[in-house]
Structure formats: structure tokens, C-alpha cells
């Protein structure tokens, strides 16, 4: 490790109070994040339920367009997040005032109207992500039950298990986990979730490779899965684009994660390094799982690689992979929920500064257990939040379609539009300059992809609901 301190680092050190006061009147001990904790948070957010649908996505798009779309979305996401990372501080991206949340940054750079619109998109998408995680968890829990049944009764046995009880159980776990005060306090959960993500992604890769070897050939085609009509093909390709967009959904919490980083080095430098590490690793896993899944099953590629029962044996390994999915999504749910909790509780605290219900902290002690700090607002609000996500997941339990909808809703406004517009303001880029035109073309192309993906995914949800 190079122990030298750069000029930028010296500036950052100079604005610190030696008594550990941070530059925004926070205690420096609060921010302890490093490039590795940051990468863990990102991977926890990114390698989620979306990885399980990528084989189906490649199958819809074919051998050239499918992998190319994944690489393209990875490059686009990295570029946009690099723009956004520079907006954490303003006006200078290294020594300026902190913008601790995405909405705070949009308010500063673009004004309150844009901030309000951003807040709607951001928190709806965070809410949607955790709904999708509950659906995926229930599917994985049911898949474990089905795998055991198939192992006992045979692969043709009528093994069927509902997901509502599984969603209720996952919701109960999240009510407990949600009592953690903030994102900083669950860094350990993100590390566990990251390990789980690597486990089930590696198992999906290994099972796909084994299936290809067993088949003795690579299945699939350049054009992808055939459909009855060109319109049906268009809808499924559109939905696949939405799924892939959902596979890189961390821009909406990037600044919240960046706010956990210690300095020096500068937070934007650490975030860019962490983004490069995380996106490179996740894209490698995505290509491996998506391409090998399609190579193994071809036209019969399931919508969810681990729960579609292309793999029956070894059943214990499939069960372990699904258990890893469940543990990972426990952490993923918290990474997307904690920023929502923080904003809501902060505003209520400011509005009702004298309310004991809102502000009082009670310490509970039980034998043989560490002391537990309880706040009544936190208990009630977070419990209601988890109950609402559970109810919505039980109403619309459609894996691929829900992934596509929330991927499309998240991608253009939060990953592309707001970072680009804030970058214009921060760097004083004048309209109709070469850079301005290039970034506007980039933004409009992403908007077109978003519109196509959203239309296809909504059509899939309507079709699934009507077929019930």
C-alpha cells in the first residue's frame, strides 16, 4: 500500500477538526466506509434477484444481442454513476458541501421542482425493488420445498407450493432487521449478503456448465427464442431489456452509500473505484450465468434459473443456492429500505421536535442478550412499511414482469437523466457545446430503451393477470 498523501488528501485532512469533528459537523467516527465496504454495499444492491432472470433475457434476445445488451448496460451504468459520484459534494467535487442523499443533490443543482420529481421516482423505485425481492424470496423458498418433493416423489410428481406463507415469513424477518438504526449499522449484513450472492451465482454458473457438458452441445440461436408472432417476440424482447436494466439498479442509493465513506481519499475517488470493481465483477457473473443458462436450455430456458427446474439434481445443491438467494435478499431489502426510513424519520423528527413518540429512545435489556435501543416511531413506521411491501408482493407475484417494470422505471430518470443534468450544472457546460450535445444524445437513447422496456413489461403483467 502507498502511504503517501496527495494534495487532495491534505486538503481533506485540513478541513477536519482534530477533535474528530467532520467537515459537516458530524463526528468522523460515523463515516468509516472504505472501497471494500462500498463495493460490498453495491454488490449487495446489484447482484440481486435480477441475476436469476438473465438466462431468460439472453434467450429472448439471442446470442449476439443478449450478451451485448448486458455489456452495454454495464458501461452505461458505470459512466452515469461516475457523473453522479462527482455530485456528492458541491460546488467542488472534492472539498465542497456534502449532499448526503440523491434528492438533496437534485434540490441543490436543479431546484426543488426537480427534487420533488426525483424523490417520487427514487422512493417508488426503492419500494419496488424490495417488493421484487419479496417475490423472489418467496419463489426461492417454494423452490426448496418443490426440490425436496421432486427428490422424494420423482420429477413428474405434482409438487406445488404457494408463496404467500413464504412472503409472510420473509416479512416477519424484515420487521426485525428493519429496527437497525441506519445503513452504517448493517455493513456486516452487506458482507454476508455479498458472499451469498457469489455463492448462488457460482452455483448457477456451475450447474449451467455441467448441463452444457451433459448435453454435449451449446443450445440457442442468434435470433433467440421463437414466438408465434413478431408482436409477441417484440414484447418479450422489450421485457428482457427491462430485466437487464433492473440488474444494475444502484444509482438511486449511490449517494447514500457514498455518505458512509471516510476520507481521505476523496469520496468520489473511492466511489468510482468501488463502482469499477463492483460492476466488473457483477457483469462477469451476469454473462456467465446468463449465457451458460441459455446454452444449457435453449428454447426452454426458465424465467428464473434456480427455480424454473431446469436443474433437479443434485437437489441439495439447488436448495443451498436458493437458501443463499434468500439470505442475500434479506440484506438487499435493507440496503434499499434504510434510506427510505432515514428520510421519513428525519422529516417527522424535524416536524415534531417535542414528540416523545417520535424522538425518545428506550433501552431494553434481556438476560444473556445485548441491550436493545427502541424508538416507537421506528417500530411502527418500519413495521407498516414492511407489511405494505408484503401485501403488494402477494398481489402481484410475477417475477420477470415485475423486474422489468421497476428496471425500466429506475433506469432512465435516476441512472441517466438526473446525473447528466446535475453534471451540466456542476461543470458549467453550456448548451449546444459538443459535450452537451453528446450527453443529450446519450440521455435520449437511454430514454428510448426505457420506454420500450416499460411497455413490454407492463404488457407481460397484464397478460399474466388475465391468464390467472
Protein backbone atom coordinates (compact mmCIF):
# COMPACT_ATOMS: atom_id res chain seq x y z
CA UNK A 1 0.00 0.00 0.00
CA UNK A 2 1.25 3.51 -0.84
CA UNK A 3 1.24 5.56 2.35
CA UNK A 4 1.82 8.92 0.67
CA UNK A 5 -0.85 11.61 0.99
CA UNK A 6 -1.84 13.51 -2.13
CA UNK A 7 -2.53 17.24 -2.26
CA UNK A 8 -6.23 16.49 -2.39
CA UNK A 9 -5.95 14.31 0.70
CA UNK A 10 -4.12 17.11 2.52
CA UNK A 11 -6.99 19.48 1.76
CA UNK A 12 -9.47 16.95 3.10
CA UNK A 13 -7.41 16.48 6.25
CA UNK A 14 -7.09 20.23 6.72
CA UNK A 15 -10.83 20.80 6.89
CA UNK A 16 -11.19 18.23 9.69
CA UNK A 17 -11.24 19.28 13.32
CA UNK A 18 -8.53 17.38 15.20
CA UNK A 19 -11.12 16.63 17.88
CA UNK A 20 -12.78 14.37 15.30
CA UNK A 21 -15.36 16.88 14.07
CA UNK A 22 -16.26 16.10 10.48
CA UNK A 23 -16.49 18.90 7.92
CA UNK A 24 -20.30 18.93 8.15
CA UNK A 25 -20.42 18.84 11.96
CA UNK A 26 -20.69 15.07 12.06
CA UNK A 27 -18.28 13.00 14.07
CA UNK A 28 -15.66 11.45 11.82
CA UNK A 29 -16.13 8.11 13.54
CA UNK A 30 -19.59 7.92 11.98
CA UNK A 31 -18.15 7.55 8.47
CA UNK A 32 -15.89 4.52 8.41
CA UNK A 33 -16.60 3.16 4.91
CA UNK A 34 -13.81 2.06 2.57
CA UNK A 35 -13.64 0.98 -1.04
CA UNK A 36 -14.35 -2.56 0.15
CA UNK A 37 -17.39 -1.78 2.30
CA UNK A 38 -18.64 0.42 -0.53
CA UNK A 39 -18.14 -2.41 -3.04
CA UNK A 40 -19.97 -4.77 -0.68
CA UNK A 41 -22.97 -2.43 -0.46
CA UNK A 42 -23.04 -2.03 -4.25
CA UNK A 43 -22.74 -5.75 -4.96
CA UNK A 44 -25.46 -6.42 -2.38
CA UNK A 45 -27.70 -3.98 -4.22
CA UNK A 46 -26.74 -5.03 -7.76
CA UNK A 47 -26.31 -8.83 -7.68
CA UNK A 48 -29.82 -9.46 -6.52
CA UNK A 49 -32.83 -11.20 -7.89
CA UNK A 50 -32.14 -9.79 -11.35
CA UNK A 51 -29.28 -12.24 -11.97
CA UNK A 52 -31.71 -15.16 -11.91
CA UNK A 53 -33.67 -13.88 -14.91
CA UNK A 54 -30.67 -13.15 -17.15
CA UNK A 55 -30.62 -16.58 -18.83
CA UNK A 56 -34.23 -15.97 -19.89
CA UNK A 57 -33.28 -12.50 -21.11
CA UNK A 58 -30.42 -13.83 -23.24
CA UNK A 59 -32.80 -16.49 -24.58
CA UNK A 60 -35.26 -13.82 -25.76
CA UNK A 61 -32.60 -11.69 -27.42
CA UNK A 62 -30.25 -14.36 -28.81
CA UNK A 63 -26.53 -14.99 -28.71
CA UNK A 64 -25.38 -11.62 -30.05
CA UNK A 65 -27.91 -9.10 -28.76
CA UNK A 66 -28.25 -10.67 -25.27
CA UNK A 67 -24.59 -10.52 -24.11
CA UNK A 68 -24.10 -7.22 -25.95
CA UNK A 69 -27.02 -5.68 -24.04
CA UNK A 70 -25.50 -6.72 -20.69
CA UNK A 71 -22.11 -5.22 -21.52
CA UNK A 72 -23.74 -2.06 -22.86
CA UNK A 73 -25.87 -1.56 -19.73
CA UNK A 74 -22.77 -2.11 -17.57
CA UNK A 75 -20.81 0.57 -19.44
CA UNK A 76 -23.71 3.00 -19.39
CA UNK A 77 -24.26 2.44 -15.66
CA UNK A 78 -20.60 2.98 -14.80
CA UNK A 79 -20.38 6.18 -16.83
CA UNK A 80 -23.57 7.59 -15.30
CA UNK A 81 -22.57 6.67 -11.75
CA UNK A 82 -19.19 8.36 -12.25
CA UNK A 83 -21.06 11.56 -13.11
CA UNK A 84 -23.27 11.14 -10.07
CA UNK A 85 -20.35 10.44 -7.69
CA UNK A 86 -18.91 13.87 -8.50
CA UNK A 87 -22.20 15.45 -7.40
CA UNK A 88 -21.80 14.25 -3.79
CA UNK A 89 -20.02 17.49 -2.93
CA UNK A 90 -20.74 20.91 -4.36
CA UNK A 91 -19.60 23.14 -5.85
CA UNK A 92 -16.23 21.38 -5.77
CA UNK A 93 -16.47 17.55 -6.10
CA UNK A 94 -13.65 17.08 -3.54
CA UNK A 95 -13.94 19.76 -0.86
CA UNK A 96 -17.43 21.18 -1.30
CA UNK A 97 -20.50 20.79 0.88
CA UNK A 98 -21.90 17.27 1.15
CA UNK A 99 -25.14 16.17 -0.49
CA UNK A 100 -25.95 13.17 1.66
CA UNK A 101 -28.90 11.91 -0.38
CA UNK A 102 -29.79 11.77 -4.06
CA UNK A 103 -32.77 14.08 -3.51
CA UNK A 104 -30.63 16.60 -1.62
CA UNK A 105 -28.22 16.76 -4.56
CA UNK A 106 -31.01 17.24 -7.12
CA UNK A 107 -32.55 20.01 -4.98
CA UNK A 108 -29.23 21.83 -4.86
CA UNK A 109 -28.26 21.53 -8.52
CA UNK A 110 -31.63 21.57 -10.30
CA UNK A 111 -34.09 23.13 -7.89
CA UNK A 112 -36.95 21.98 -5.68
CA UNK A 113 -39.34 21.00 -8.51
CA UNK A 114 -36.79 18.60 -9.95
CA UNK A 115 -36.04 17.43 -6.41
CA UNK A 116 -39.69 16.59 -5.83
CA UNK A 117 -39.89 14.60 -9.08
CA UNK A 118 -36.62 12.85 -8.25
CA UNK A 119 -37.92 11.95 -4.78
CA UNK A 120 -41.04 10.35 -6.26
CA UNK A 121 -39.01 8.23 -8.69
CA UNK A 122 -36.34 7.35 -6.14
CA UNK A 123 -38.56 6.20 -3.33
CA UNK A 124 -41.08 4.46 -5.60
CA UNK A 125 -38.19 2.54 -7.12
CA UNK A 126 -36.69 1.65 -3.74
CA UNK A 127 -40.11 0.46 -2.69
CA UNK A 128 -40.47 -1.50 -5.93
CA UNK A 129 -37.08 -3.15 -5.52
CA UNK A 130 -37.97 -4.55 -2.10
CA UNK A 131 -41.34 -5.77 -3.43
CA UNK A 132 -39.44 -7.60 -6.19
CA UNK A 133 -37.08 -9.02 -3.56
CA UNK A 134 -40.01 -10.39 -1.59
CA UNK A 135 -41.40 -12.06 -4.70
CA UNK A 136 -38.02 -13.61 -5.45
CA UNK A 137 -37.54 -14.81 -1.89
CA UNK A 138 -40.93 -16.50 -1.89
CA UNK A 139 -40.13 -18.19 -5.20
CA UNK A 140 -36.82 -19.46 -3.81
CA UNK A 141 -38.47 -20.74 -0.61
CA UNK A 142 -41.11 -22.56 -2.66
CA UNK A 143 -38.40 -23.95 -4.93
CA UNK A 144 -36.67 -25.55 -1.93
CA UNK A 145 -39.94 -27.27 -0.98
CA UNK A 146 -40.51 -28.39 -4.58
CA UNK A 147 -36.95 -29.72 -4.94
CA UNK A 148 -37.39 -31.87 -1.83
CA UNK A 149 -40.74 -33.10 -3.14
CA UNK A 150 -39.34 -33.94 -6.59
CA UNK A 151 -36.44 -35.77 -4.96
CA UNK A 152 -38.83 -37.90 -2.89
CA UNK A 153 -41.66 -38.42 -5.38
CA UNK A 154 -39.96 -38.15 -8.79
CA UNK A 155 -39.66 -35.35 -11.31
CA UNK A 156 -43.20 -35.83 -12.64
CA UNK A 157 -44.86 -35.57 -9.24
CA UNK A 158 -47.49 -32.80 -8.85
CA UNK A 159 -45.43 -30.76 -6.37
CA UNK A 160 -46.96 -27.33 -5.90
CA UNK A 161 -46.49 -24.84 -3.07
CA UNK A 162 -47.94 -21.37 -2.68
CA UNK A 163 -45.75 -18.37 -1.99
CA UNK A 164 -47.96 -16.33 0.36
CA UNK A 165 -46.77 -18.02 3.54
CA UNK A 166 -43.15 -17.59 2.43
CA UNK A 167 -43.73 -13.87 1.83
CA UNK A 168 -45.26 -13.52 5.29
CA UNK A 169 -42.27 -15.28 6.85
CA UNK A 170 -39.80 -13.08 4.96
CA UNK A 171 -41.79 -10.02 6.04
CA UNK A 172 -41.51 -11.06 9.68
CA UNK A 173 -37.72 -11.34 9.34
CA UNK A 174 -37.58 -7.89 7.72
CA UNK A 175 -39.62 -6.31 10.52
CA UNK A 176 -36.89 -7.44 12.93
CA UNK A 177 -33.97 -6.44 10.67
CA UNK A 178 -35.54 -3.06 9.94
CA UNK A 179 -35.05 -1.97 13.55
CA UNK A 180 -31.32 -1.45 12.84
CA UNK A 181 -30.83 2.33 13.19
CA UNK A 182 -29.28 3.03 9.77
CA UNK A 183 -27.26 1.72 6.82
CA UNK A 184 -23.98 2.24 8.66
CA UNK A 185 -25.05 -0.32 11.28
CA UNK A 186 -25.66 -3.15 8.79
CA UNK A 187 -22.34 -3.18 6.94
CA UNK A 188 -21.80 -6.72 8.25
CA UNK A 189 -25.11 -7.79 6.69
CA UNK A 190 -23.98 -6.47 3.31
CA UNK A 191 -20.77 -8.53 3.54
CA UNK A 192 -22.78 -11.67 4.34
CA UNK A 193 -25.19 -10.87 1.51
CA UNK A 194 -22.29 -10.35 -0.91
CA UNK A 195 -20.84 -13.75 -0.03
CA UNK A 196 -24.27 -15.31 -0.58
CA UNK A 197 -24.54 -13.59 -3.98
CA UNK A 198 -21.22 -15.05 -5.07
CA UNK A 199 -22.33 -18.47 -3.83
CA UNK A 200 -25.58 -18.72 -5.73
CA UNK A 201 -24.19 -17.02 -8.84
CA UNK A 202 -21.29 -19.51 -8.84
CA UNK A 203 -23.67 -22.43 -8.36
CA UNK A 204 -25.84 -21.19 -11.25
CA UNK A 205 -22.69 -20.91 -13.36
CA UNK A 206 -21.54 -24.41 -12.38
CA UNK A 207 -24.92 -26.06 -12.96
CA UNK A 208 -25.22 -24.36 -16.34
CA UNK A 209 -21.74 -25.53 -17.34
CA UNK A 210 -22.48 -29.07 -16.17
CA UNK A 211 -25.71 -29.09 -18.18
CA UNK A 212 -23.91 -27.94 -21.32
CA UNK A 213 -21.34 -30.70 -20.89
CA UNK A 214 -24.11 -33.23 -20.30
CA UNK A 215 -25.93 -32.09 -23.44
CA UNK A 216 -22.74 -32.29 -25.47
CA UNK A 217 -23.61 -29.12 -27.36
CA UNK A 218 -24.42 -25.44 -26.94
CA UNK A 219 -28.11 -24.72 -27.40
CA UNK A 220 -29.67 -21.48 -28.57
CA UNK A 221 -29.51 -19.34 -31.68
CA UNK A 222 -28.56 -15.87 -32.84
CA UNK A 223 -32.20 -14.86 -33.05
CA UNK A 224 -33.20 -16.21 -29.65
CA UNK A 225 -36.42 -17.99 -28.66
CA UNK A 226 -39.03 -18.16 -31.42
CA UNK A 227 -42.57 -16.93 -30.81
CA UNK A 228 -45.86 -17.26 -32.63
CA UNK A 229 -45.88 -13.72 -33.99
CA UNK A 230 -43.48 -10.85 -34.46
CA UNK A 231 -45.51 -8.80 -31.96
CA UNK A 232 -45.08 -11.46 -29.24
CA UNK A 233 -41.35 -11.52 -29.96
CA UNK A 234 -41.19 -7.74 -29.66
CA UNK A 235 -42.97 -7.80 -26.27
CA UNK A 236 -40.66 -10.42 -24.79
CA UNK A 237 -37.51 -8.69 -26.08
CA UNK A 238 -38.79 -5.44 -24.58
CA UNK A 239 -39.34 -7.19 -21.26
CA UNK A 240 -35.85 -8.69 -21.42
CA UNK A 241 -34.38 -5.19 -21.84
CA UNK A 242 -36.24 -4.13 -18.69
CA UNK A 243 -34.91 -7.13 -16.79
CA UNK A 244 -31.33 -6.30 -17.75
CA UNK A 245 -31.88 -2.68 -16.73
CA UNK A 246 -33.10 -3.97 -13.34
CA UNK A 247 -29.84 -5.89 -12.98
CA UNK A 248 -27.84 -2.66 -12.42
CA UNK A 249 -30.11 -0.65 -10.10
CA UNK A 250 -27.92 1.14 -7.58
CA UNK A 251 -27.76 4.74 -8.82
CA UNK A 252 -30.76 5.59 -6.67
CA UNK A 253 -28.81 4.78 -3.49
CA UNK A 254 -25.31 5.72 -4.69
CA UNK A 255 -25.03 8.98 -2.75
CA UNK A 256 -26.43 7.36 0.38
CA UNK A 257 -23.71 4.71 0.15
CA UNK A 258 -21.09 7.36 -0.67
CA UNK A 259 -22.08 9.20 2.51
CA UNK A 260 -20.73 6.27 4.57
CA UNK A 261 -17.16 6.69 3.20
CA UNK A 262 -14.32 8.03 5.27
CA UNK A 263 -11.77 10.48 3.91
CA UNK A 264 -9.09 10.71 2.69
CA UNK A 265 -9.07 9.70 -0.12
CA UNK A 266 -11.83 11.82 -1.64
CA UNK A 267 -15.25 10.15 -1.57
CA UNK A 268 -15.80 10.48 -5.31
CA UNK A 269 -12.48 8.74 -5.99
CA UNK A 270 -13.38 5.88 -3.64
CA UNK A 271 -16.86 5.57 -5.13
CA UNK A 272 -15.58 5.43 -8.70
CA UNK A 273 -13.06 2.75 -7.75
CA UNK A 274 -15.74 0.77 -5.92
CA UNK A 275 -18.12 1.13 -8.88
CA UNK A 276 -15.48 -0.14 -11.30
CA UNK A 277 -14.73 -3.14 -9.08
CA UNK A 278 -18.38 -3.93 -8.42
CA UNK A 279 -19.70 -3.50 -11.96
CA UNK A 280 -16.81 -5.53 -13.42
CA UNK A 281 -17.44 -8.40 -11.00
CA UNK A 282 -21.21 -8.38 -11.44
CA UNK A 283 -21.02 -8.18 -15.23
CA UNK A 284 -18.71 -11.19 -15.29
CA UNK A 285 -21.22 -13.13 -13.20
CA UNK A 286 -24.11 -11.91 -15.31
CA UNK A 287 -22.50 -13.00 -18.56
CA UNK A 288 -21.52 -16.35 -17.07
CA UNK A 289 -24.94 -17.15 -15.61
CA UNK A 290 -26.97 -15.70 -18.46
CA UNK A 291 -25.01 -17.23 -21.31
CA UNK A 292 -24.49 -20.63 -19.71
CA UNK A 293 -28.16 -20.81 -18.75
CA UNK A 294 -29.20 -20.20 -22.35
CA UNK A 295 -26.53 -22.57 -23.65
CA UNK A 296 -27.88 -25.28 -21.34
CA UNK A 297 -31.62 -24.94 -22.05
CA UNK A 298 -32.02 -23.09 -25.34
CA UNK A 299 -35.70 -22.62 -26.21
CA UNK A 300 -36.75 -24.00 -22.81
CA UNK A 301 -34.74 -21.54 -20.70
CA UNK A 302 -36.74 -20.87 -17.50
CA UNK A 303 -37.66 -17.39 -16.30
CA UNK A 304 -35.75 -17.97 -13.06
CA UNK A 305 -32.60 -20.03 -13.45
CA UNK A 306 -32.65 -21.63 -9.99
CA UNK A 307 -36.39 -22.04 -9.51
CA UNK A 308 -37.59 -22.97 -13.01
CA UNK A 309 -36.46 -26.58 -12.50
CA UNK A 310 -34.20 -26.92 -15.42
CA UNK A 311 -31.98 -28.33 -12.64
CA UNK A 312 -33.41 -31.11 -10.48
CA UNK A 313 -30.20 -32.71 -9.23
CA UNK A 314 -28.19 -32.51 -7.13
CA UNK A 315 -31.23 -31.29 -5.25
CA UNK A 316 -29.23 -30.36 -2.15
CA UNK A 317 -27.04 -28.00 -4.20
CA UNK A 318 -30.08 -26.35 -5.80
CA UNK A 319 -31.55 -25.98 -2.31
CA UNK A 320 -28.34 -24.44 -1.00
CA UNK A 321 -28.27 -21.97 -3.89
CA UNK A 322 -31.85 -20.91 -3.19
CA UNK A 323 -31.04 -20.57 0.52
CA UNK A 324 -28.17 -18.24 -0.45
CA UNK A 325 -30.63 -16.20 -2.53
CA UNK A 326 -32.89 -15.85 0.50
CA UNK A 327 -30.08 -14.74 2.83
CA UNK A 328 -28.76 -12.31 0.22
CA UNK A 329 -32.16 -10.70 -0.28
CA UNK A 330 -32.54 -10.18 3.46
CA UNK A 331 -29.55 -7.84 3.15
CA UNK A 332 -30.69 -6.41 -0.18
CA UNK A 333 -34.06 -5.46 1.29
CA UNK A 334 -32.30 -3.45 4.00
CA UNK A 335 -29.90 -1.69 1.61
CA UNK A 336 -32.90 -0.33 -0.31
CA UNK A 337 -35.14 0.31 2.71
CA UNK A 338 -32.81 2.08 5.13
CA UNK A 339 -32.54 5.28 3.01
CA UNK A 340 -36.35 5.47 2.90
CA UNK A 341 -36.54 5.02 6.67
CA UNK A 342 -33.89 7.67 7.26
CA UNK A 343 -35.62 10.36 5.18
CA UNK A 344 -39.10 9.73 6.58
CA UNK A 345 -37.95 9.65 10.20
CA UNK A 346 -35.73 12.71 9.81
CA UNK A 347 -38.62 14.77 8.45
CA UNK A 348 -41.00 13.62 11.16
CA UNK A 349 -38.39 14.42 13.80
CA UNK A 350 -37.99 17.93 12.39
CA UNK A 351 -41.75 18.45 12.22
CA UNK A 352 -42.42 17.15 15.75
CA UNK A 353 -39.27 18.02 17.76
CA UNK A 354 -41.09 17.76 21.12
CA UNK A 355 -42.86 14.46 20.50
CA UNK A 356 -41.71 11.61 22.72
CA UNK A 357 -43.23 9.09 20.31
CA UNK A 358 -41.05 10.43 17.50
CA UNK A 359 -37.81 11.20 19.33
CA UNK A 360 -37.46 9.22 22.56
CA UNK A 361 -35.11 6.23 22.62
CA UNK A 362 -35.82 3.44 25.10
CA UNK A 363 -33.26 0.84 26.13
CA UNK A 364 -34.49 -2.72 26.54
CA UNK A 365 -32.43 -5.31 28.33
CA UNK A 366 -32.91 -9.06 28.35
CA UNK A 367 -30.85 -11.79 30.04
CA UNK A 368 -27.85 -13.00 28.02
CA UNK A 369 -28.58 -10.51 25.20
CA UNK A 370 -27.05 -7.12 24.39
CA UNK A 371 -29.11 -4.03 25.20
CA UNK A 372 -31.59 -3.05 22.51
CA UNK A 373 -32.47 0.57 21.75
CA UNK A 374 -36.10 1.06 20.74
CA UNK A 375 -37.84 4.06 19.21
CA UNK A 376 -41.64 3.88 18.91
CA UNK A 377 -41.81 5.77 15.60
CA UNK A 378 -39.16 3.48 14.13
CA UNK A 379 -41.02 0.40 15.32
CA UNK A 380 -44.42 1.47 13.99
CA UNK A 381 -43.38 3.12 10.72
CA UNK A 382 -40.94 0.44 9.64
CA UNK A 383 -43.34 -2.35 10.55
CA UNK A 384 -46.09 -0.71 8.49
CA UNK A 385 -43.67 -0.29 5.59
CA UNK A 386 -42.74 -3.98 5.57
CA UNK A 387 -46.40 -5.01 5.86
CA UNK A 388 -47.29 -2.87 2.83
CA UNK A 389 -44.49 -4.33 0.65
CA UNK A 390 -45.55 -7.83 1.67
CA UNK A 391 -49.17 -7.16 0.73
CA UNK A 392 -48.22 -5.77 -2.69
CA UNK A 393 -45.89 -8.69 -3.42
CA UNK A 394 -48.69 -11.12 -2.59
CA UNK A 395 -50.99 -9.27 -5.02
CA UNK A 396 -48.56 -9.22 -7.99
CA UNK A 397 -46.25 -12.25 -7.65
CA UNK A 398 -44.89 -12.11 -11.23
CA UNK A 399 -41.10 -12.41 -11.21
CA UNK A 400 -39.89 -11.42 -14.69
CA UNK A 401 -42.62 -8.87 -15.34
CA UNK A 402 -42.13 -7.02 -12.05
CA UNK A 403 -38.35 -6.99 -12.60
CA UNK A 404 -38.87 -5.40 -15.99
CA UNK A 405 -41.27 -2.70 -14.79
CA UNK A 406 -39.09 -1.47 -11.95
CA UNK A 407 -35.94 -1.80 -14.02
CA UNK A 408 -37.45 0.47 -16.66
CA UNK A 409 -38.81 2.99 -14.13
CA UNK A 410 -35.42 3.21 -12.44
CA UNK A 411 -33.10 3.26 -15.41
CA UNK A 412 -33.58 6.49 -17.35
CA UNK A 413 -34.75 9.04 -14.76
CA UNK A 414 -32.42 8.05 -11.91
CA UNK A 415 -29.47 6.41 -13.62
CA UNK A 416 -29.25 8.75 -16.63
CA UNK A 417 -31.32 11.94 -16.65
CA UNK A 418 -30.64 13.46 -13.23
CA UNK A 419 -26.89 12.62 -13.15
CA UNK A 420 -26.44 14.14 -16.62
CA UNK A 421 -28.41 17.30 -15.77
CA UNK A 422 -26.55 17.79 -12.47
CA UNK A 423 -23.23 17.29 -14.26
CA UNK A 424 -24.15 20.09 -16.68
CA UNK A 425 -24.73 22.47 -13.77
CA UNK A 426 -21.68 21.46 -11.73
CA UNK A 427 -19.25 21.70 -14.64
CA UNK A 428 -20.97 24.75 -16.20
CA UNK A 429 -21.39 23.02 -19.55
CA UNK A 430 -23.08 25.44 -21.93
CA UNK A 431 -25.96 24.30 -24.19
CA UNK A 432 -25.10 23.24 -27.73
CA UNK A 433 -21.47 22.62 -26.98
CA UNK A 434 -20.01 19.35 -28.21
CA UNK A 435 -20.14 17.73 -24.76
CA UNK A 436 -23.68 18.97 -24.12
CA UNK A 437 -24.93 17.53 -27.42
CA UNK A 438 -23.16 14.22 -26.83
CA UNK A 439 -24.62 13.77 -23.36
CA UNK A 440 -28.11 14.74 -24.57
CA UNK A 441 -27.94 12.12 -27.33
CA UNK A 442 -26.78 9.62 -24.72
CA UNK A 443 -29.73 10.53 -22.48
CA UNK A 444 -32.34 10.35 -25.28
CA UNK A 445 -31.09 6.96 -26.45
CA UNK A 446 -31.46 5.63 -22.90
CA UNK A 447 -34.96 7.15 -22.68
CA UNK A 448 -35.98 5.23 -25.80
CA UNK A 449 -34.69 1.98 -24.32
CA UNK A 450 -36.59 2.70 -21.11
CA UNK A 451 -39.87 3.32 -22.95
CA UNK A 452 -39.55 0.07 -24.89
CA UNK A 453 -38.73 -1.93 -21.74
CA UNK A 454 -41.58 -0.42 -19.72
CA UNK A 455 -44.16 -1.14 -22.43
CA UNK A 456 -43.07 -4.77 -22.75
CA UNK A 457 -43.05 -5.39 -19.00
CA UNK A 458 -46.47 -3.81 -18.42
CA UNK A 459 -47.88 -5.93 -21.22
CA UNK A 460 -46.42 -9.00 -19.51
CA UNK A 461 -48.08 -8.15 -16.18
CA UNK A 462 -51.47 -7.58 -17.83
CA UNK A 463 -51.16 -10.86 -19.77
CA UNK A 464 -50.15 -12.77 -16.60
CA UNK A 465 -53.02 -11.27 -14.59
CA UNK A 466 -55.60 -12.08 -17.29
CA UNK A 467 -54.37 -15.67 -17.58
CA UNK A 468 -54.97 -16.42 -13.89
